[in-house]
Amino acid sequence: MASKPAERRSRQNGRKTRQRLLAAAIALWAERGSLGVTVSAVAERAGTTRRTVYHHFSTHEALITAATEYLDAELASLASGEHGPYTDPYSLVPGLAAENPELVRSVLSRMLIGDPMDNPIFASGVHFWAADISAQGQERSPPEHITAVAIGMWYAANLVISTKTKPAERRREAERFAGTYKRIMEATLLPHAGEDQELPKEAWTNSAAK
């Protein structure tokens, strides 16, 4: 019978494997579109076997659903100020749009369905900006407005980058747009960004989407 520490390690390893599989699925989605997210491709990208993928996701549809939820959760974390491994969060969504606008479009389109506060990305952004405004003690636009404008920049990034057809051109446009995004946010909605303190990188998004 396995000891409790061994059981905990097993659960932790299982969670890490699942996260690695989902990260691989998102990377493939960004590079190849949703049709490129196959069980074989995910297993190869994650350095594991098809059997391991099926252990965590019983069907291809379950894998796609989980990958979509994972992306939303990642963008929601960014929206709540947890930018994690993303060193330049202003460039995250433009970068995704450069590789595959379909991926960004699928995230954004879901925000137009139903109550925005039911969407984890929008809701996290509103909560983040409400807390930020309160902490700064400054009079600014409502957090819902800041969040909507920030997410609107994701739409704009997808639109502008989609005008380019060659991969190199799309990546260059993504880099340029990331700079535009940062300047617009800092010049209009984030008045404390120009003061002595450095703008937190997480302020990119509302924020994700994400």
C-alpha atoms as a PDB file:
ATOM      1  CA  MET A   1       0.000   0.000   0.000  1.00  0.00           C
ATOM      2  CA  ALA A   2       1.441   3.365  -1.042  1.00  0.00           C
ATOM      3  CA  SER A   3       2.368   5.843   1.674  1.00  0.00           C
ATOM      4  CA  LYS A   4       0.682   9.233   1.861  1.00  0.00           C
ATOM      5  CA  PRO A   5       3.825  11.112   0.711  1.00  0.00           C
ATOM      6  CA  ALA A   6       4.081   8.771  -2.275  1.00  0.00           C
ATOM      7  CA  GLU A   7       0.418   9.384  -3.122  1.00  0.00           C
ATOM      8  CA  ARG A   8       0.949  13.145  -2.912  1.00  0.00           C
ATOM      9  CA  ARG A   9       3.980  12.920  -5.214  1.00  0.00           C
ATOM     10  CA  SER A  10       1.948  10.835  -7.656  1.00  0.00           C
ATOM     11  CA  ARG A  11      -0.853  13.414  -7.729  1.00  0.00           C
ATOM     12  CA  GLN A  12       1.642  16.242  -8.156  1.00  0.00           C
ATOM     13  CA  ASN A  13       3.356  14.448 -11.018  1.00  0.00           C
ATOM     14  CA  GLY A  14      -0.035  13.828 -12.612  1.00  0.00           C
ATOM     15  CA  ARG A  15      -0.916  17.529 -12.430  1.00  0.00           C
ATOM     16  CA  LYS A  16       2.456  18.497 -13.888  1.00  0.00           C
ATOM     17  CA  THR A  17       2.037  16.032 -16.742  1.00  0.00           C
ATOM     18  CA  ARG A  18      -1.463  17.316 -17.494  1.00  0.00           C
ATOM     19  CA  GLN A  19      -0.206  20.913 -17.523  1.00  0.00           C
ATOM     20  CA  ARG A  20       2.667  19.961 -19.831  1.00  0.00           C
ATOM     21  CA  LEU A  21       0.232  18.293 -22.221  1.00  0.00           C
ATOM     22  CA  LEU A  22      -2.049  21.335 -22.243  1.00  0.00           C
ATOM     23  CA  ALA A  23       0.874  23.703 -22.814  1.00  0.00           C
ATOM     24  CA  ALA A  24       1.925  21.515 -25.749  1.00  0.00           C
ATOM     25  CA  ALA A  25      -1.618  21.605 -27.132  1.00  0.00           C
ATOM     26  CA  ILE A  26      -1.721  25.419 -26.960  1.00  0.00           C
ATOM     27  CA  ALA A  27       1.678  25.713 -28.651  1.00  0.00           C
ATOM     28  CA  LEU A  28       0.503  23.436 -31.471  1.00  0.00           C
ATOM     29  CA  TRP A  29      -2.756  25.372 -31.774  1.00  0.00           C
ATOM     30  CA  ALA A  30      -0.823  28.610 -32.129  1.00  0.00           C
ATOM     31  CA  GLU A  31       1.470  27.150 -34.774  1.00  0.00           C
ATOM     32  CA  ARG A  32      -0.897  24.976 -36.809  1.00  0.00           C
ATOM     33  CA  GLY A  33      -4.464  25.837 -35.892  1.00  0.00           C
ATOM     34  CA  SER A  34      -6.941  23.631 -34.063  1.00  0.00           C
ATOM     35  CA  LEU A  35      -6.604  20.833 -36.633  1.00  0.00           C
ATOM     36  CA  GLY A  36      -2.944  20.540 -35.669  1.00  0.00           C
ATOM     37  CA  VAL A  37      -3.828  19.607 -32.088  1.00  0.00           C
ATOM     38  CA  THR A  38      -3.833  15.844 -32.476  1.00  0.00           C
ATOM     39  CA  VAL A  39      -3.128  13.285 -29.782  1.00  0.00           C
ATOM     40  CA  SER A  40       0.030  12.150 -31.593  1.00  0.00           C
ATOM     41  CA  ALA A  41       1.312  15.699 -32.056  1.00  0.00           C
ATOM     42  CA  VAL A  42       0.654  16.621 -28.425  1.00  0.00           C
ATOM     43  CA  ALA A  43       2.409  13.470 -27.204  1.00  0.00           C
ATOM     44  CA  GLU A  44       5.432  14.192 -29.389  1.00  0.00           C
ATOM     45  CA  ARG A  45       5.610  17.865 -28.372  1.00  0.00           C
ATOM     46  CA  ALA A  46       5.307  17.011 -24.669  1.00  0.00           C
ATOM     47  CA  GLY A  47       7.881  14.221 -24.925  1.00  0.00           C
ATOM     48  CA  THR A  48       5.520  11.480 -23.846  1.00  0.00           C
ATOM     49  CA  THR A  49       3.264   8.786 -25.332  1.00  0.00           C
ATOM     50  CA  ARG A  50      -0.216   8.684 -26.821  1.00  0.00           C
ATOM     51  CA  ARG A  51      -1.178   6.402 -23.947  1.00  0.00           C
ATOM     52  CA  THR A  52      -0.269   9.155 -21.455  1.00  0.00           C
ATOM     53  CA  VAL A  53      -2.352  11.683 -23.374  1.00  0.00           C
ATOM     54  CA  TYR A  54      -5.346   9.350 -23.383  1.00  0.00           C
ATOM     55  CA  HIS A  55      -4.845   8.715 -19.664  1.00  0.00           C
ATOM     56  CA  HIS A  56      -5.531  12.413 -19.032  1.00  0.00           C
ATOM     57  CA  PHE A  57      -7.975  13.066 -21.896  1.00  0.00           C
ATOM     58  CA  SER A  58     -10.257  10.255 -22.969  1.00  0.00           C
ATOM     59  CA  THR A  59     -10.959  11.705 -26.434  1.00  0.00           C
ATOM     60  CA  HIS A  60      -9.577  14.267 -28.845  1.00  0.00           C
ATOM     61  CA  GLU A  61     -12.624  16.442 -28.135  1.00  0.00           C
ATOM     62  CA  ALA A  62     -11.857  16.327 -24.418  1.00  0.00           C
ATOM     63  CA  LEU A  63      -8.294  17.434 -25.159  1.00  0.00           C
ATOM     64  CA  ILE A  64      -9.482  20.413 -27.243  1.00  0.00           C
ATOM     65  CA  THR A  65     -12.005  21.432 -24.575  1.00  0.00           C
ATOM     66  CA  ALA A  66      -9.387  21.233 -21.833  1.00  0.00           C
ATOM     67  CA  ALA A  67      -6.876  23.180 -23.938  1.00  0.00           C
ATOM     68  CA  THR A  68      -9.446  25.940 -24.489  1.00  0.00           C
ATOM     69  CA  GLU A  69     -10.175  26.120 -20.767  1.00  0.00           C
ATOM     70  CA  TYR A  70      -6.446  26.095 -20.002  1.00  0.00           C
ATOM     71  CA  LEU A  71      -5.815  29.048 -22.323  1.00  0.00           C
ATOM     72  CA  ASP A  72      -8.677  30.984 -20.756  1.00  0.00           C
ATOM     73  CA  ALA A  73      -7.290  30.236 -17.297  1.00  0.00           C
ATOM     74  CA  GLU A  74      -3.791  31.367 -18.278  1.00  0.00           C
ATOM     75  CA  LEU A  75      -5.101  34.633 -19.692  1.00  0.00           C
ATOM     76  CA  ALA A  76      -7.324  35.111 -16.650  1.00  0.00           C
ATOM     77  CA  SER A  77      -4.244  34.706 -14.440  1.00  0.00           C
ATOM     78  CA  LEU A  78      -2.497  37.384 -16.460  1.00  0.00           C
ATOM     79  CA  ALA A  79      -5.581  39.560 -16.116  1.00  0.00           C
ATOM     80  CA  SER A  80      -5.447  39.183 -12.338  1.00  0.00           C
ATOM     81  CA  GLY A  81      -1.827  40.329 -12.178  1.00  0.00           C
ATOM     82  CA  GLU A  82      -0.123  36.936 -12.210  1.00  0.00           C
ATOM     83  CA  HIS A  83       1.980  37.298 -15.333  1.00  0.00           C
ATOM     84  CA  GLY A  84       4.084  34.264 -14.447  1.00  0.00           C
ATOM     85  CA  PRO A  85       6.613  33.304 -17.134  1.00  0.00           C
ATOM     86  CA  TYR A  86       5.589  36.043 -19.576  1.00  0.00           C
ATOM     87  CA  THR A  87       8.392  38.609 -19.430  1.00  0.00           C
ATOM     88  CA  ASP A  88       6.642  41.096 -21.719  1.00  0.00           C
ATOM     89  CA  PRO A  89       2.896  40.649 -21.266  1.00  0.00           C
ATOM     90  CA  TYR A  90       2.083  43.452 -23.716  1.00  0.00           C
ATOM     91  CA  SER A  91       3.403  41.243 -26.501  1.00  0.00           C
ATOM     92  CA  LEU A  92       1.716  37.975 -25.495  1.00  0.00           C
ATOM     93  CA  VAL A  93      -1.539  38.284 -27.435  1.00  0.00           C
ATOM     94  CA  PRO A  94       0.033  40.016 -30.478  1.00  0.00           C
ATOM     95  CA  GLY A  95       2.586  37.195 -30.517  1.00  0.00           C
ATOM     96  CA  LEU A  96      -0.148  34.566 -30.471  1.00  0.00           C
ATOM     97  CA  ALA A  97      -1.981  36.445 -33.218  1.00  0.00           C
ATOM     98  CA  ALA A  98       1.172  36.479 -35.340  1.00  0.00           C
ATOM     99  CA  GLU A  99       1.477  32.692 -35.154  1.00  0.00           C
ATOM    100  CA  ASN A 100      -2.194  31.883 -35.530  1.00  0.00           C
ATOM    101  CA  PRO A 101      -4.960  34.510 -35.515  1.00  0.00           C
ATOM    102  CA  GLU A 102      -7.551  31.710 -35.325  1.00  0.00           C
ATOM    103  CA  LEU A 103      -6.441  30.933 -31.777  1.00  0.00           C
ATOM    104  CA  VAL A 104      -6.858  34.523 -30.585  1.00  0.00           C
ATOM    105  CA  ARG A 105     -10.084  34.918 -32.546  1.00  0.00           C
ATOM    106  CA  SER A 106     -11.582  31.867 -30.841  1.00  0.00           C
ATOM    107  CA  VAL A 107     -10.779  33.303 -27.386  1.00  0.00           C
ATOM    108  CA  LEU A 108     -12.133  36.742 -28.193  1.00  0.00           C
ATOM    109  CA  SER A 109     -15.322  35.502 -29.846  1.00  0.00           C
ATOM    110  CA  ARG A 110     -16.361  33.729 -26.651  1.00  0.00           C
ATOM    111  CA  MET A 111     -16.293  37.052 -24.818  1.00  0.00           C
ATOM    112  CA  LEU A 112     -19.127  38.310 -26.997  1.00  0.00           C
ATOM    113  CA  ILE A 113     -21.456  35.543 -25.849  1.00  0.00           C
ATOM    114  CA  GLY A 114     -23.482  35.979 -22.664  1.00  0.00           C
ATOM    115  CA  ASP A 115     -22.656  38.107 -19.631  1.00  0.00           C
ATOM    116  CA  PRO A 116     -19.042  39.420 -19.804  1.00  0.00           C
ATOM    117  CA  MET A 117     -18.672  38.953 -16.046  1.00  0.00           C
ATOM    118  CA  ASP A 118     -19.214  35.230 -16.574  1.00  0.00           C
ATOM    119  CA  ASN A 119     -16.054  35.203 -18.701  1.00  0.00           C
ATOM    120  CA  PRO A 120     -13.021  34.497 -16.460  1.00  0.00           C
ATOM    121  CA  ILE A 121     -10.718  36.767 -18.455  1.00  0.00           C
ATOM    122  CA  PHE A 122     -12.969  39.823 -18.319  1.00  0.00           C
ATOM    123  CA  ALA A 123     -13.972  39.198 -14.702  1.00  0.00           C
ATOM    124  CA  SER A 124     -10.341  38.813 -13.599  1.00  0.00           C
ATOM    125  CA  GLY A 125      -9.432  42.031 -15.361  1.00  0.00           C
ATOM    126  CA  VAL A 126     -12.207  43.981 -13.674  1.00  0.00           C
ATOM    127  CA  HIS A 127     -11.230  42.648 -10.265  1.00  0.00           C
ATOM    128  CA  PHE A 128      -7.560  43.425 -10.865  1.00  0.00           C
ATOM    129  CA  TRP A 129      -8.176  47.011 -11.944  1.00  0.00           C
ATOM    130  CA  ALA A 130     -10.671  47.653  -9.164  1.00  0.00           C
ATOM    131  CA  ALA A 131      -8.020  46.627  -6.621  1.00  0.00           C
ATOM    132  CA  ASP A 132      -5.317  48.603  -8.423  1.00  0.00           C
ATOM    133  CA  ILE A 133      -7.411  51.783  -8.492  1.00  0.00           C
ATOM    134  CA  SER A 134      -8.235  51.380  -4.816  1.00  0.00           C
ATOM    135  CA  ALA A 135      -4.570  50.849  -3.890  1.00  0.00           C
ATOM    136  CA  GLN A 136      -3.397  53.841  -5.907  1.00  0.00           C
ATOM    137  CA  GLY A 137      -6.102  56.089  -4.495  1.00  0.00           C
ATOM    138  CA  GLN A 138      -6.420  57.810  -7.853  1.00  0.00           C
ATOM    139  CA  GLU A 139      -9.493  58.832  -9.755  1.00  0.00           C
ATOM    140  CA  ARG A 140      -9.505  56.904 -12.998  1.00  0.00           C
ATOM    141  CA  SER A 141     -11.828  55.314 -15.486  1.00  0.00           C
ATOM    142  CA  PRO A 142     -14.047  52.523 -14.105  1.00  0.00           C
ATOM    143  CA  PRO A 143     -12.316  49.122 -14.034  1.00  0.00           C
ATOM    144  CA  GLU A 144     -14.860  47.743 -16.512  1.00  0.00           C
ATOM    145  CA  HIS A 145     -13.824  50.439 -18.994  1.00  0.00           C
ATOM    146  CA  ILE A 146     -10.102  49.815 -18.583  1.00  0.00           C
ATOM    147  CA  THR A 147     -10.632  46.088 -19.007  1.00  0.00           C
ATOM    148  CA  ALA A 148     -12.774  46.544 -22.108  1.00  0.00           C
ATOM    149  CA  VAL A 149     -10.235  48.884 -23.724  1.00  0.00           C
ATOM    150  CA  ALA A 150      -7.360  46.516 -22.955  1.00  0.00           C
ATOM    151  CA  ILE A 151      -9.204  43.548 -24.408  1.00  0.00           C
ATOM    152  CA  GLY A 152     -10.218  45.727 -27.353  1.00  0.00           C
ATOM    153  CA  MET A 153      -6.499  46.053 -28.068  1.00  0.00           C
ATOM    154  CA  TRP A 154      -6.394  42.291 -28.463  1.00  0.00           C
ATOM    155  CA  TYR A 155      -9.013  42.592 -31.199  1.00  0.00           C
ATOM    156  CA  ALA A 156      -6.999  45.375 -32.796  1.00  0.00           C
ATOM    157  CA  ALA A 157      -3.816  43.294 -32.670  1.00  0.00           C
ATOM    158  CA  ASN A 158      -5.539  40.392 -34.385  1.00  0.00           C
ATOM    159  CA  LEU A 159      -6.968  42.700 -37.059  1.00  0.00           C
ATOM    160  CA  VAL A 160      -3.724  44.511 -37.863  1.00  0.00           C
ATOM    161  CA  ILE A 161      -1.507  41.432 -37.825  1.00  0.00           C
ATOM    162  CA  SER A 162      -3.943  39.580 -40.082  1.00  0.00           C
ATOM    163  CA  THR A 163      -3.205  42.133 -42.838  1.00  0.00           C
ATOM    164  CA  LYS A 164       0.243  40.562 -43.227  1.00  0.00           C
ATOM    165  CA  THR A 165       0.651  37.283 -45.050  1.00  0.00           C
ATOM    166  CA  LYS A 166       4.275  36.254 -44.501  1.00  0.00           C
ATOM    167  CA  PRO A 167       5.292  34.858 -41.085  1.00  0.00           C
ATOM    168  CA  ALA A 168       8.246  37.235 -40.716  1.00  0.00           C
ATOM    169  CA  GLU A 169       6.038  40.225 -41.527  1.00  0.00           C
ATOM    170  CA  ARG A 170       3.439  39.090 -39.001  1.00  0.00           C
ATOM    171  CA  ARG A 171       6.033  38.744 -36.261  1.00  0.00           C
ATOM    172  CA  ARG A 172       7.453  42.208 -36.992  1.00  0.00           C
ATOM    173  CA  GLU A 173       3.947  43.664 -36.940  1.00  0.00           C
ATOM    174  CA  ALA A 174       3.280  41.931 -33.610  1.00  0.00           C
ATOM    175  CA  GLU A 175       6.387  43.534 -32.099  1.00  0.00           C
ATOM    176  CA  ARG A 176       5.359  46.966 -33.383  1.00  0.00           C
ATOM    177  CA  PHE A 177       1.815  46.571 -32.122  1.00  0.00           C
ATOM    178  CA  ALA A 178       3.002  45.516 -28.665  1.00  0.00           C
ATOM    179  CA  GLY A 179       4.771  48.873 -28.417  1.00  0.00           C
ATOM    180  CA  THR A 180       1.666  50.712 -29.589  1.00  0.00           C
ATOM    181  CA  TYR A 181      -0.461  48.829 -27.064  1.00  0.00           C
ATOM    182  CA  LYS A 182       1.870  49.749 -24.188  1.00  0.00           C
ATOM    183  CA  ARG A 183       2.048  53.433 -25.166  1.00  0.00           C
ATOM    184  CA  ILE A 184      -1.720  53.769 -25.512  1.00  0.00           C
ATOM    185  CA  MET A 185      -2.418  52.153 -22.154  1.00  0.00           C
ATOM    186  CA  GLU A 186       0.212  54.170 -20.322  1.00  0.00           C
ATOM    187  CA  ALA A 187      -0.717  57.472 -21.949  1.00  0.00           C
ATOM    188  CA  THR A 188      -4.467  57.224 -21.428  1.00  0.00           C
ATOM    189  CA  LEU A 189      -5.708  54.781 -18.819  1.00  0.00           C
ATOM    190  CA  LEU A 190      -2.717  54.248 -16.539  1.00  0.00           C
ATOM    191  CA  PRO A 191      -1.735  57.710 -15.298  1.00  0.00           C
ATOM    192  CA  HIS A 192       0.613  56.405 -12.598  1.00  0.00           C
ATOM    193  CA  ALA A 193       2.701  54.638 -15.246  1.00  0.00           C
ATOM    194  CA  GLY A 194       4.536  57.819 -16.102  1.00  0.00           C
ATOM    195  CA  GLU A 195       5.498  58.579 -12.517  1.00  0.00           C
ATOM    196  CA  ASP A 196       8.592  57.481 -10.657  1.00  0.00           C
ATOM    197  CA  GLN A 197       7.386  53.930 -10.143  1.00  0.00           C
ATOM    198  CA  GLU A 198       7.662  51.402 -12.937  1.00  0.00           C
ATOM    199  CA  LEU A 199       4.460  50.173 -14.519  1.00  0.00           C
ATOM    200  CA  PRO A 200       3.792  46.584 -13.457  1.00  0.00           C
ATOM    201  CA  LYS A 201       4.092  44.305 -16.463  1.00  0.00           C
ATOM    202  CA  GLU A 202       0.789  42.672 -15.586  1.00  0.00           C
ATOM    203  CA  ALA A 203      -0.985  45.945 -16.338  1.00  0.00           C
ATOM    204  CA  TRP A 204      -0.875  44.962 -19.996  1.00  0.00           C
ATOM    205  CA  THR A 205      -4.187  43.314 -19.970  1.00  0.00           C
ATOM    206  CA  ASN A 206      -6.861  44.627 -17.868  1.00  0.00           C
ATOM    207  CA  SER A 207      -5.924  42.689 -17.776  1.00  0.00           C
ATOM    208  CA  ALA A 208      -6.959  37.253 -21.558  1.00  0.00           C
ATOM    209  CA  ALA A 209      -7.630  37.047 -23.717  1.00  0.00           C
ATOM    210  CA  LYS A 210      -5.031  34.600 -22.015  1.00  0.00           C
END
